[in-house]
PDB file of N, CA and C in Angstrom:
ATOM      1  N   UNK A   1      28.066  43.435 -34.442  1.00  0.00           N
ATOM      2  CA  UNK A   1      26.515  43.421 -34.429  1.00  0.00           C
ATOM      3  C   UNK A   1      26.175  44.871 -34.531  1.00  0.00           C
ATOM      4  N   UNK A   2      25.010  44.936 -35.055  1.00  0.00           N
ATOM      5  CA  UNK A   2      24.452  46.479 -35.129  1.00  0.00           C
ATOM      6  C   UNK A   2      23.549  46.573 -33.905  1.00  0.00           C
ATOM      7  N   UNK A   3      23.330  47.850 -33.755  1.00  0.00           N
ATOM      8  CA  UNK A   3      22.551  48.266 -32.666  1.00  0.00           C
ATOM      9  C   UNK A   3      21.074  47.581 -32.586  1.00  0.00           C
ATOM     10  N   UNK A   4      20.499  47.260 -33.753  1.00  0.00           N
ATOM     11  CA  UNK A   4      19.156  46.847 -33.722  1.00  0.00           C
ATOM     12  C   UNK A   4      19.201  45.159 -33.497  1.00  0.00           C
ATOM     13  N   UNK A   5      20.378  44.698 -33.778  1.00  0.00           N
ATOM     14  CA  UNK A   5      20.543  43.163 -33.439  1.00  0.00           C
ATOM     15  C   UNK A   5      20.782  43.182 -31.959  1.00  0.00           C
ATOM     16  N   UNK A   6      21.566  43.940 -31.216  1.00  0.00           N
ATOM     17  CA  UNK A   6      21.681  43.900 -29.944  1.00  0.00           C
ATOM     18  C   UNK A   6      20.533  44.062 -29.139  1.00  0.00           C
ATOM     19  N   UNK A   7      19.462  44.849 -29.638  1.00  0.00           N
ATOM     20  CA  UNK A   7      18.247  45.071 -28.913  1.00  0.00           C
ATOM     21  C   UNK A   7      17.509  43.770 -29.135  1.00  0.00           C
ATOM     22  N   UNK A   8      17.340  42.966 -30.249  1.00  0.00           N
ATOM     23  CA  UNK A   8      16.761  41.813 -30.314  1.00  0.00           C
ATOM     24  C   UNK A   8      17.365  40.779 -29.399  1.00  0.00           C
ATOM     25  N   UNK A   9      18.743  40.765 -29.298  1.00  0.00           N
ATOM     26  CA  UNK A   9      19.218  39.822 -28.364  1.00  0.00           C
ATOM     27  C   UNK A   9      19.033  40.054 -26.923  1.00  0.00           C
ATOM     28  N   UNK A  10      19.000  41.184 -26.587  1.00  0.00           N
ATOM     29  CA  UNK A  10      18.581  41.613 -25.175  1.00  0.00           C
ATOM     30  C   UNK A  10      17.047  41.522 -25.027  1.00  0.00           C
ATOM     31  N   UNK A  11      16.326  41.584 -25.827  1.00  0.00           N
ATOM     32  CA  UNK A  11      14.870  41.375 -25.692  1.00  0.00           C
ATOM     33  C   UNK A  11      14.579  39.759 -25.628  1.00  0.00           C
ATOM     34  N   UNK A  12      15.233  38.921 -26.307  1.00  0.00           N
ATOM     35  CA  UNK A  12      15.223  37.480 -26.331  1.00  0.00           C
ATOM     36  C   UNK A  12      15.748  37.067 -24.884  1.00  0.00           C
ATOM     37  N   UNK A  13      16.924  37.503 -24.408  1.00  0.00           N
ATOM     38  CA  UNK A  13      17.357  37.289 -23.008  1.00  0.00           C
ATOM     39  C   UNK A  13      16.440  37.611 -22.061  1.00  0.00           C
ATOM     40  N   UNK A  14      15.799  38.737 -22.264  1.00  0.00           N
ATOM     41  CA  UNK A  14      14.867  39.199 -21.089  1.00  0.00           C
ATOM     42  C   UNK A  14      13.649  38.220 -21.079  1.00  0.00           C
ATOM     43  N   UNK A  15      13.192  37.936 -22.230  1.00  0.00           N
ATOM     44  CA  UNK A  15      12.028  36.924 -22.292  1.00  0.00           C
ATOM     45  C   UNK A  15      12.392  35.556 -21.777  1.00  0.00           C
ATOM     46  N   UNK A  16      13.572  35.195 -22.064  1.00  0.00           N
ATOM     47  CA  UNK A  16      14.092  33.680 -21.506  1.00  0.00           C
ATOM     48  C   UNK A  16      14.178  33.731 -19.985  1.00  0.00           C
ATOM     49  N   UNK A  17      14.702  34.947 -19.491  1.00  0.00           N
ATOM     50  CA  UNK A  17      14.860  35.043 -18.092  1.00  0.00           C
ATOM     51  C   UNK A  17      13.320  35.104 -17.468  1.00  0.00           C
ATOM     52  N   UNK A  18      12.528  35.780 -18.021  1.00  0.00           N
ATOM     53  CA  UNK A  18      11.127  36.116 -17.478  1.00  0.00           C
ATOM     54  C   UNK A  18      10.325  34.582 -17.502  1.00  0.00           C
ATOM     55  N   UNK A  19      10.570  33.915 -18.512  1.00  0.00           N
ATOM     56  CA  UNK A  19      10.051  32.606 -18.652  1.00  0.00           C
ATOM     57  C   UNK A  19      10.539  31.734 -17.640  1.00  0.00           C
ATOM     58  N   UNK A  20      11.903  31.767 -17.387  1.00  0.00           N
ATOM     59  CA  UNK A  20      12.548  30.845 -16.351  1.00  0.00           C
ATOM     60  C   UNK A  20      11.941  31.185 -14.980  1.00  0.00           C
ATOM     61  N   UNK A  21      12.036  32.493 -14.682  1.00  0.00           N
ATOM     62  CA  UNK A  21      11.410  32.890 -13.311  1.00  0.00           C
ATOM     63  C   UNK A  21      10.038  32.565 -13.221  1.00  0.00           C
ATOM     64  N   UNK A  22       9.161  32.571 -14.136  1.00  0.00           N
ATOM     65  CA  UNK A  22       7.608  32.209 -14.038  1.00  0.00           C
ATOM     66  C   UNK A  22       7.757  30.708 -13.914  1.00  0.00           C
ATOM     67  N   UNK A  23       8.493  29.986 -14.513  1.00  0.00           N
ATOM     68  CA  UNK A  23       8.499  28.516 -14.287  1.00  0.00           C
ATOM     69  C   UNK A  23       9.017  28.210 -12.882  1.00  0.00           C
ATOM     70  N   UNK A  24       9.997  28.892 -12.494  1.00  0.00           N
ATOM     71  CA  UNK A  24      10.542  28.489 -11.081  1.00  0.00           C
ATOM     72  C   UNK A  24       9.407  28.945 -10.083  1.00  0.00           C
ATOM     73  N   UNK A  25       8.674  29.921 -10.302  1.00  0.00           N
ATOM     74  CA  UNK A  25       7.698  30.488  -9.384  1.00  0.00           C
ATOM     75  C   UNK A  25       6.617  29.354  -9.226  1.00  0.00           C
ATOM     76  N   UNK A  26       6.107  29.051 -10.564  1.00  0.00           N
ATOM     77  CA  UNK A  26       5.025  28.163 -10.463  1.00  0.00           C
ATOM     78  C   UNK A  26       5.472  26.677  -9.837  1.00  0.00           C
ATOM     79  N   UNK A  27       6.636  26.223 -10.050  1.00  0.00           N
ATOM     80  CA  UNK A  27       6.994  25.068  -9.583  1.00  0.00           C
ATOM     81  C   UNK A  27       7.116  25.200  -8.043  1.00  0.00           C
ATOM     82  N   UNK A  28       7.549  26.176  -7.492  1.00  0.00           N
ATOM     83  CA  UNK A  28       7.596  26.448  -6.020  1.00  0.00           C
ATOM     84  C   UNK A  28       6.308  26.499  -5.491  1.00  0.00           C
ATOM     85  N   UNK A  29       5.266  27.207  -6.248  1.00  0.00           N
ATOM     86  CA  UNK A  29       3.892  27.201  -5.579  1.00  0.00           C
ATOM     87  C   UNK A  29       3.279  25.837  -5.703  1.00  0.00           C
ATOM     88  N   UNK A  30       3.485  25.152  -6.713  1.00  0.00           N
ATOM     89  CA  UNK A  30       2.900  23.761  -6.731  1.00  0.00           C
ATOM     90  C   UNK A  30       3.563  22.874  -5.641  1.00  0.00           C
ATOM     91  N   UNK A  31       4.866  23.010  -5.422  1.00  0.00           N
ATOM     92  CA  UNK A  31       5.224  22.187  -4.328  1.00  0.00           C
ATOM     93  C   UNK A  31       4.831  22.563  -2.909  1.00  0.00           C
ATOM     94  N   UNK A  32       4.659  23.995  -2.664  1.00  0.00           N
ATOM     95  CA  UNK A  32       4.039  24.246  -1.278  1.00  0.00           C
ATOM     96  C   UNK A  32       2.650  23.896  -1.409  1.00  0.00           C
ATOM     97  N   UNK A  33       1.917  23.923  -2.360  1.00  0.00           N
ATOM     98  CA  UNK A  33       0.551  23.442  -2.352  1.00  0.00           C
ATOM     99  C   UNK A  33       0.424  21.950  -2.214  1.00  0.00           C
ATOM    100  N   UNK A  34       1.173  21.192  -2.640  1.00  0.00           N
ATOM    101  CA  UNK A  34       1.351  19.900  -2.613  1.00  0.00           C
ATOM    102  C   UNK A  34       1.594  19.536  -0.987  1.00  0.00           C
ATOM    103  N   UNK A  35       2.752  20.227  -0.527  1.00  0.00           N
ATOM    104  CA  UNK A  35       3.045  20.060   1.042  1.00  0.00           C
ATOM    105  C   UNK A  35       2.020  20.244   1.888  1.00  0.00           C
ATOM    106  N   UNK A  36       1.258  21.382   1.649  1.00  0.00           N
ATOM    107  CA  UNK A  36       0.143  21.886   2.401  1.00  0.00           C
ATOM    108  C   UNK A  36      -0.973  20.899   2.337  1.00  0.00           C
ATOM    109  N   UNK A  37      -1.312  20.261   1.161  1.00  0.00           N
ATOM    110  CA  UNK A  37      -2.431  19.253   1.165  1.00  0.00           C
ATOM    111  C   UNK A  37      -1.963  18.084   1.727  1.00  0.00           C
ATOM    112  N   UNK A  38      -0.649  17.707   1.735  1.00  0.00           N
ATOM    113  CA  UNK A  38      -0.256  16.415   2.323  1.00  0.00           C
ATOM    114  C   UNK A  38      -0.298  16.557   3.755  1.00  0.00           C
ATOM    115  N   UNK A  39       0.075  17.601   4.402  1.00  0.00           N
ATOM    116  CA  UNK A  39       0.060  17.906   5.871  1.00  0.00           C
ATOM    117  C   UNK A  39      -1.419  18.061   6.346  1.00  0.00           C
ATOM    118  N   UNK A  40      -2.123  18.676   5.499  1.00  0.00           N
ATOM    119  CA  UNK A  40      -3.577  18.678   5.906  1.00  0.00           C
ATOM    120  C   UNK A  40      -4.259  17.343   5.777  1.00  0.00           C
ATOM    121  N   UNK A  41      -3.990  16.590   4.899  1.00  0.00           N
ATOM    122  CA  UNK A  41      -4.596  15.261   4.656  1.00  0.00           C
ATOM    123  C   UNK A  41      -4.007  14.330   6.072  1.00  0.00           C
ATOM    124  N   UNK A  42      -2.727  14.404   6.429  1.00  0.00           N
ATOM    125  CA  UNK A  42      -2.316  13.604   7.433  1.00  0.00           C
ATOM    126  C   UNK A  42      -2.950  14.074   8.819  1.00  0.00           C
ATOM    127  N   UNK A  43      -2.954  15.379   9.062  1.00  0.00           N
ATOM    128  CA  UNK A  43      -3.810  15.607  10.311  1.00  0.00           C
ATOM    129  C   UNK A  43      -5.110  15.399  10.199  1.00  0.00           C
ATOM    130  N   UNK A  44      -5.734  15.540   9.162  1.00  0.00           N
ATOM    131  CA  UNK A  44      -7.157  15.246   9.126  1.00  0.00           C
ATOM    132  C   UNK A  44      -7.261  13.723   9.358  1.00  0.00           C
ATOM    133  N   UNK A  45      -6.596  12.853   8.789  1.00  0.00           N
ATOM    134  CA  UNK A  45      -6.486  11.428   9.020  1.00  0.00           C
ATOM    135  C   UNK A  45      -6.226  11.053  10.513  1.00  0.00           C
ATOM    136  N   UNK A  46      -5.308  11.843  11.144  1.00  0.00           N
ATOM    137  CA  UNK A  46      -5.119  11.591  12.506  1.00  0.00           C
ATOM    138  C   UNK A  46      -6.373  11.926  13.437  1.00  0.00           C
ATOM    139  N   UNK A  47      -6.879  13.160  13.193  1.00  0.00           N
ATOM    140  CA  UNK A  47      -8.050  13.500  13.894  1.00  0.00           C
ATOM    141  C   UNK A  47      -9.220  12.753  13.554  1.00  0.00           C
ATOM    142  N   UNK A  48      -9.466  12.349  12.397  1.00  0.00           N
ATOM    143  CA  UNK A  48     -10.528  11.344  12.167  1.00  0.00           C
ATOM    144  C   UNK A  48     -10.263  10.127  12.963  1.00  0.00           C
ATOM    145  N   UNK A  49      -9.052   9.541  12.889  1.00  0.00           N
ATOM    146  CA  UNK A  49      -8.831   8.354  13.514  1.00  0.00           C
ATOM    147  C   UNK A  49      -9.173   8.403  15.168  1.00  0.00           C
ATOM    148  N   UNK A  50      -8.648   9.513  15.695  1.00  0.00           N
ATOM    149  CA  UNK A  50      -8.778   9.585  17.050  1.00  0.00           C
ATOM    150  C   UNK A  50     -10.390   9.706  17.476  1.00  0.00           C
ATOM    151  N   UNK A  51     -11.249  10.460  16.514  1.00  0.00           N
ATOM    152  CA  UNK A  51     -12.505  10.749  16.721  1.00  0.00           C
ATOM    153  C   UNK A  51     -13.304   9.279  16.588  1.00  0.00           C
ATOM    154  N   UNK A  52     -12.926   8.482  15.587  1.00  0.00           N
ATOM    155  CA  UNK A  52     -13.381   7.139  15.444  1.00  0.00           C
ATOM    156  C   UNK A  52     -13.171   6.193  16.544  1.00  0.00           C
ATOM    157  N   UNK A  53     -11.849   6.255  17.131  1.00  0.00           N
ATOM    158  CA  UNK A  53     -11.531   5.410  18.057  1.00  0.00           C
ATOM    159  C   UNK A  53     -12.235   5.798  19.420  1.00  0.00           C
ATOM    160  N   UNK A  54     -12.573   7.224  19.786  1.00  0.00           N
ATOM    161  CA  UNK A  54     -13.222   7.410  20.896  1.00  0.00           C
ATOM    162  C   UNK A  54     -14.777   6.920  20.749  1.00  0.00           C
ATOM    163  N   UNK A  55     -15.278   7.008  19.490  1.00  0.00           N
ATOM    164  CA  UNK A  55     -16.785   6.638  19.274  1.00  0.00           C
ATOM    165  C   UNK A  55     -16.703   5.196  19.521  1.00  0.00           C
ATOM    166  N   UNK A  56     -15.993   4.320  18.889  1.00  0.00           N
ATOM    167  CA  UNK A  56     -15.898   2.973  18.893  1.00  0.00           C
ATOM    168  C   UNK A  56     -15.627   2.463  20.210  1.00  0.00           C
ATOM    169  N   UNK A  57     -14.802   3.052  21.111  1.00  0.00           N
ATOM    170  CA  UNK A  57     -14.538   2.716  22.455  1.00  0.00           C
ATOM    171  C   UNK A  57     -15.851   2.822  23.372  1.00  0.00           C
ATOM    172  N   UNK A  58     -16.436   4.100  23.106  1.00  0.00           N
ATOM    173  CA  UNK A  58     -17.549   4.217  23.861  1.00  0.00           C
ATOM    174  C   UNK A  58     -18.774   3.101  23.613  1.00  0.00           C
ATOM    175  N   UNK A  59     -18.802   2.919  22.281  1.00  0.00           N
ATOM    176  CA  UNK A  59     -19.848   1.943  21.854  1.00  0.00           C
ATOM    177  C   UNK A  59     -19.418   0.549  22.562  1.00  0.00           C
ATOM    178  N   UNK A  60     -18.316   0.060  22.340  1.00  0.00           N
ATOM    179  CA  UNK A  60     -18.088  -1.143  22.849  1.00  0.00           C
ATOM    180  C   UNK A  60     -18.026  -1.164  24.445  1.00  0.00           C
ATOM    181  N   UNK A  61     -17.766  -0.167  25.150  1.00  0.00           N
ATOM    182  CA  UNK A  61     -17.893  -0.009  26.450  1.00  0.00           C
ATOM    183  C   UNK A  61     -19.222  -0.296  26.965  1.00  0.00           C
ATOM    184  N   UNK A  62     -20.244   0.365  26.365  1.00  0.00           N
ATOM    185  CA  UNK A  62     -21.630   0.049  26.748  1.00  0.00           C
ATOM    186  C   UNK A  62     -22.038  -1.279  26.279  1.00  0.00           C
ATOM    187  N   UNK A  63     -21.436  -1.730  25.335  1.00  0.00           N
ATOM    188  CA  UNK A  63     -21.754  -3.216  24.978  1.00  0.00           C
ATOM    189  C   UNK A  63     -21.298  -4.063  25.867  1.00  0.00           C
ATOM    190  N   UNK A  64     -20.087  -3.902  26.378  1.00  0.00           N
ATOM    191  CA  UNK A  64     -19.448  -4.686  27.345  1.00  0.00           C
ATOM    192  C   UNK A  64     -20.188  -4.920  28.583  1.00  0.00           C
ATOM    193  N   UNK A  65     -20.830  -3.982  29.036  1.00  0.00           N
ATOM    194  CA  UNK A  65     -21.432  -3.934  30.285  1.00  0.00           C
ATOM    195  C   UNK A  65     -22.607  -5.101  30.215  1.00  0.00           C
ATOM    196  N   UNK A  66     -23.290  -5.003  29.147  1.00  0.00           N
ATOM    197  CA  UNK A  66     -24.307  -6.125  29.090  1.00  0.00           C
ATOM    198  C   UNK A  66     -23.670  -7.563  29.042  1.00  0.00           C
ATOM    199  N   UNK A  67     -22.541  -7.680  28.217  1.00  0.00           N
ATOM    200  CA  UNK A  67     -21.916  -8.967  28.022  1.00  0.00           C
ATOM    201  C   UNK A  67     -21.318  -9.338  29.595  1.00  0.00           C
ATOM    202  N   UNK A  68     -20.779  -8.361  30.267  1.00  0.00           N
ATOM    203  CA  UNK A  68     -20.261  -8.762  31.423  1.00  0.00           C
ATOM    204  C   UNK A  68     -21.288  -9.279  32.617  1.00  0.00           C
ATOM    205  N   UNK A  69     -22.539  -8.618  32.470  1.00  0.00           N
ATOM    206  CA  UNK A  69     -23.733  -9.069  33.342  1.00  0.00           C
ATOM    207  C   UNK A  69     -24.032 -10.393  33.136  1.00  0.00           C
ATOM    208  N   UNK A  70     -24.143 -10.750  31.799  1.00  0.00           N
ATOM    209  CA  UNK A  70     -24.553 -12.149  31.357  1.00  0.00           C
ATOM    210  C   UNK A  70     -23.608 -13.077  31.829  1.00  0.00           C
ATOM    211  N   UNK A  71     -22.231 -12.702  31.585  1.00  0.00           N
ATOM    212  CA  UNK A  71     -21.146 -13.689  31.917  1.00  0.00           C
ATOM    213  C   UNK A  71     -21.104 -13.891  33.659  1.00  0.00           C
ATOM    214  N   UNK A  72     -21.394 -12.807  34.324  1.00  0.00           N
ATOM    215  CA  UNK A  72     -21.527 -13.011  35.679  1.00  0.00           C
ATOM    216  C   UNK A  72     -22.659 -13.960  36.053  1.00  0.00           C
ATOM    217  N   UNK A  73     -23.755 -13.726  35.518  1.00  0.00           N
ATOM    218  CA  UNK A  73     -24.883 -14.678  35.571  1.00  0.00           C
ATOM    219  C   UNK A  73     -24.616 -16.101  35.476  1.00  0.00           C
ATOM    220  N   UNK A  74     -23.968 -16.189  34.343  1.00  0.00           N
ATOM    221  CA  UNK A  74     -23.432 -17.694  33.936  1.00  0.00           C
ATOM    222  C   UNK A  74     -22.528 -18.222  34.844  1.00  0.00           C
ATOM    223  N   UNK A  75     -21.616 -17.329  35.160  1.00  0.00           N
ATOM    224  CA  UNK A  75     -20.422 -17.853  36.224  1.00  0.00           C
ATOM    225  C   UNK A  75     -21.184 -18.251  37.565  1.00  0.00           C
ATOM    226  N   UNK A  76     -22.045 -17.600  37.987  1.00  0.00           N
ATOM    227  CA  UNK A  76     -22.798 -17.807  39.304  1.00  0.00           C
ATOM    228  C   UNK A  76     -23.688 -19.124  39.092  1.00  0.00           C
ATOM    229  N   UNK A  77     -24.280 -19.287  38.052  1.00  0.00           N
ATOM    230  CA  UNK A  77     -24.978 -20.639  37.717  1.00  0.00           C
ATOM    231  C   UNK A  77     -24.007 -21.767  37.763  1.00  0.00           C
ATOM    232  N   UNK A  78     -22.935 -21.583  37.293  1.00  0.00           N
ATOM    233  CA  UNK A  78     -21.868 -22.426  37.136  1.00  0.00           C
ATOM    234  C   UNK A  78     -21.151 -22.874  38.393  1.00  0.00           C
ATOM    235  N   UNK A  79     -21.141 -21.959  39.432  1.00  0.00           N
ATOM    236  CA  UNK A  79     -20.639 -22.036  40.561  1.00  0.00           C
ATOM    237  C   UNK A  79     -21.717 -22.904  41.491  1.00  0.00           C
ATOM    238  N   UNK A  80     -22.979 -22.546  41.286  1.00  0.00           N
ATOM    239  CA  UNK A  80     -23.775 -23.236  42.114  1.00  0.00           C
ATOM    240  C   UNK A  80     -23.997 -24.958  41.821  1.00  0.00           C
ATOM    241  N   UNK A  81     -23.870 -25.032  40.448  1.00  0.00           N
ATOM    242  CA  UNK A  81     -23.962 -26.467  39.885  1.00  0.00           C
ATOM    243  C   UNK A  81     -22.621 -27.233  40.474  1.00  0.00           C
ATOM    244  N   UNK A  82     -21.563 -26.625  40.370  1.00  0.00           N
ATOM    245  CA  UNK A  82     -20.342 -27.168  40.916  1.00  0.00           C
ATOM    246  C   UNK A  82     -20.408 -27.418  42.293  1.00  0.00           C
ATOM    247  N   UNK A  83     -20.874 -26.602  42.984  1.00  0.00           N
ATOM    248  CA  UNK A  83     -21.101 -26.671  44.430  1.00  0.00           C
ATOM    249  C   UNK A  83     -22.042 -27.848  44.664  1.00  0.00           C
ATOM    250  N   UNK A  84     -23.086 -28.012  43.971  1.00  0.00           N
ATOM    251  CA  UNK A  84     -23.934 -29.192  44.138  1.00  0.00           C
ATOM    252  C   UNK A  84     -23.286 -30.518  43.816  1.00  0.00           C
ATOM    253  N   UNK A  85     -22.387 -30.371  42.685  1.00  0.00           N
ATOM    254  CA  UNK A  85     -21.724 -31.617  42.280  1.00  0.00           C
ATOM    255  C   UNK A  85     -20.682 -31.945  43.166  1.00  0.00           C
ATOM    256  N   UNK A  86     -20.008 -31.037  43.676  1.00  0.00           N
ATOM    257  CA  UNK A  86     -19.055 -31.362  44.868  1.00  0.00           C
ATOM    258  C   UNK A  86     -19.650 -32.008  45.923  1.00  0.00           C
ATOM    259  N   UNK A  87     -20.691 -31.483  46.423  1.00  0.00           N
ATOM    260  CA  UNK A  87     -21.260 -31.986  47.629  1.00  0.00           C
ATOM    261  C   UNK A  87     -21.843 -33.522  47.544  1.00  0.00           C
ATOM    262  N   UNK A  88     -22.262 -33.789  46.062  1.00  0.00           N
ATOM    263  CA  UNK A  88     -22.684 -35.238  45.826  1.00  0.00           C
ATOM    264  C   UNK A  88     -21.335 -36.155  45.730  1.00  0.00           C
ATOM    265  N   UNK A  89     -20.432 -35.661  45.083  1.00  0.00           N
ATOM    266  CA  UNK A  89     -19.202 -36.251  44.921  1.00  0.00           C
ATOM    267  C   UNK A  89     -18.368 -36.531  46.327  1.00  0.00           C
ATOM    268  N   UNK A  90     -18.519 -35.463  47.313  1.00  0.00           N
ATOM    269  CA  UNK A  90     -18.006 -35.709  48.484  1.00  0.00           C
ATOM    270  C   UNK A  90     -18.616 -36.780  49.369  1.00  0.00           C
ATOM    271  N   UNK A  91     -20.169 -36.749  49.252  1.00  0.00           N
ATOM    272  CA  UNK A  91     -20.816 -37.798  49.907  1.00  0.00           C
ATOM    273  C   UNK A  91     -20.619 -39.061  49.507  1.00  0.00           C
ATOM    274  N   UNK A  92     -20.486 -39.252  48.051  1.00  0.00           N
ATOM    275  CA  UNK A  92     -20.293 -40.449  47.628  1.00  0.00           C
ATOM    276  C   UNK A  92     -18.888 -41.159  48.067  1.00  0.00           C
ATOM    277  N   UNK A  93     -17.808 -40.149  47.874  1.00  0.00           N
ATOM    278  CA  UNK A  93     -16.629 -40.569  48.394  1.00  0.00           C
ATOM    279  C   UNK A  93     -16.383 -40.970  49.831  1.00  0.00           C
ATOM    280  N   UNK A  94     -17.275 -40.232  50.699  1.00  0.00           N
ATOM    281  CA  UNK A  94     -17.273 -40.598  52.139  1.00  0.00           C
ATOM    282  C   UNK A  94     -17.858 -41.909  52.318  1.00  0.00           C
ATOM    283  N   UNK A  95     -18.902 -42.201  51.582  1.00  0.00           N
ATOM    284  CA  UNK A  95     -19.684 -43.440  51.815  1.00  0.00           C
ATOM    285  C   UNK A  95     -18.690 -44.760  51.361  1.00  0.00           C
ATOM    286  N   UNK A  96     -17.962 -44.347  50.322  1.00  0.00           N
ATOM    287  CA  UNK A  96     -17.035 -45.415  49.753  1.00  0.00           C
ATOM    288  C   UNK A  96     -15.905 -45.561  50.743  1.00  0.00           C
ATOM    289  N   UNK A  97     -15.393 -44.550  51.245  1.00  0.00           N
ATOM    290  CA  UNK A  97     -14.342 -44.468  52.349  1.00  0.00           C
ATOM    291  C   UNK A  97     -14.955 -45.356  53.599  1.00  0.00           C
ATOM    292  N   UNK A  98     -16.139 -45.032  53.971  1.00  0.00           N
ATOM    293  CA  UNK A  98     -16.796 -45.517  55.113  1.00  0.00           C
ATOM    294  C   UNK A  98     -16.926 -47.085  54.898  1.00  0.00           C
ATOM    295  N   UNK A  99     -17.243 -47.600  53.713  1.00  0.00           N
ATOM    296  CA  UNK A  99     -17.369 -48.946  53.397  1.00  0.00           C
ATOM    297  C   UNK A  99     -15.887 -49.574  53.509  1.00  0.00           C
ATOM    298  N   UNK A 100     -14.894 -48.972  52.919  1.00  0.00           N
ATOM    299  CA  UNK A 100     -13.671 -49.525  52.833  1.00  0.00           C
ATOM    300  C   UNK A 100     -12.977 -49.660  54.462  1.00  0.00           C
ATOM    301  N   UNK A 101     -13.403 -48.647  55.298  1.00  0.00           N
ATOM    302  CA  UNK A 101     -12.871 -48.717  56.626  1.00  0.00           C
ATOM    303  C   UNK A 101     -13.834 -49.420  57.519  1.00  0.00           C
ATOM    304  N   UNK A 102     -14.871 -49.738  57.006  1.00  0.00           N
ATOM    305  CA  UNK A 102     -15.907 -50.679  57.873  1.00  0.00           C
ATOM    306  C   UNK A 102     -16.657 -49.831  58.801  1.00  0.00           C
ATOM    307  N   UNK A 103     -16.785 -48.601  58.544  1.00  0.00           N
ATOM    308  CA  UNK A 103     -17.631 -47.675  59.287  1.00  0.00           C
ATOM    309  C   UNK A 103     -19.142 -47.743  58.829  1.00  0.00           C
ATOM    310  N   UNK A 104     -20.117 -47.969  59.611  1.00  0.00           N
ATOM    311  CA  UNK A 104     -21.437 -48.004  59.246  1.00  0.00           C
ATOM    312  C   UNK A 104     -21.927 -46.582  59.135  1.00  0.00           C
ATOM    313  N   UNK A 105     -22.489 -46.294  58.085  1.00  0.00           N
ATOM    314  CA  UNK A 105     -23.425 -44.799  57.646  1.00  0.00           C
ATOM    315  C   UNK A 105     -24.569 -44.825  58.645  1.00  0.00           C
ATOM    316  N   UNK A 106     -24.855 -43.473  59.045  1.00  0.00           N
ATOM    317  CA  UNK A 106     -25.899 -43.438  59.997  1.00  0.00           C
ATOM    318  C   UNK A 106     -27.137 -43.015  59.072  1.00  0.00           C
TER     319      UNK A 106
END
């Protein structure tokens, strides 16, 4: 080979090496950017989920106070009705027992 041909071969090799290095650098940068975006997205989703959970919990806790108050009122009414019904049933049962035993009611 002549001296001019050697220079062309060297120039081609240098260009190929530079292109390969540039491609490798671009690939590495793209991979790093993708990893950073994925990590950022995961942390953002986690923090958003925690914020939503706190907000939702506070909303439901306030709402539950009203529901619990209503349930306590209904429970108290049920207890009163049940106590009256139990008293009526007990009197009827005592009258029936008295008749069976031959005891006269006063």
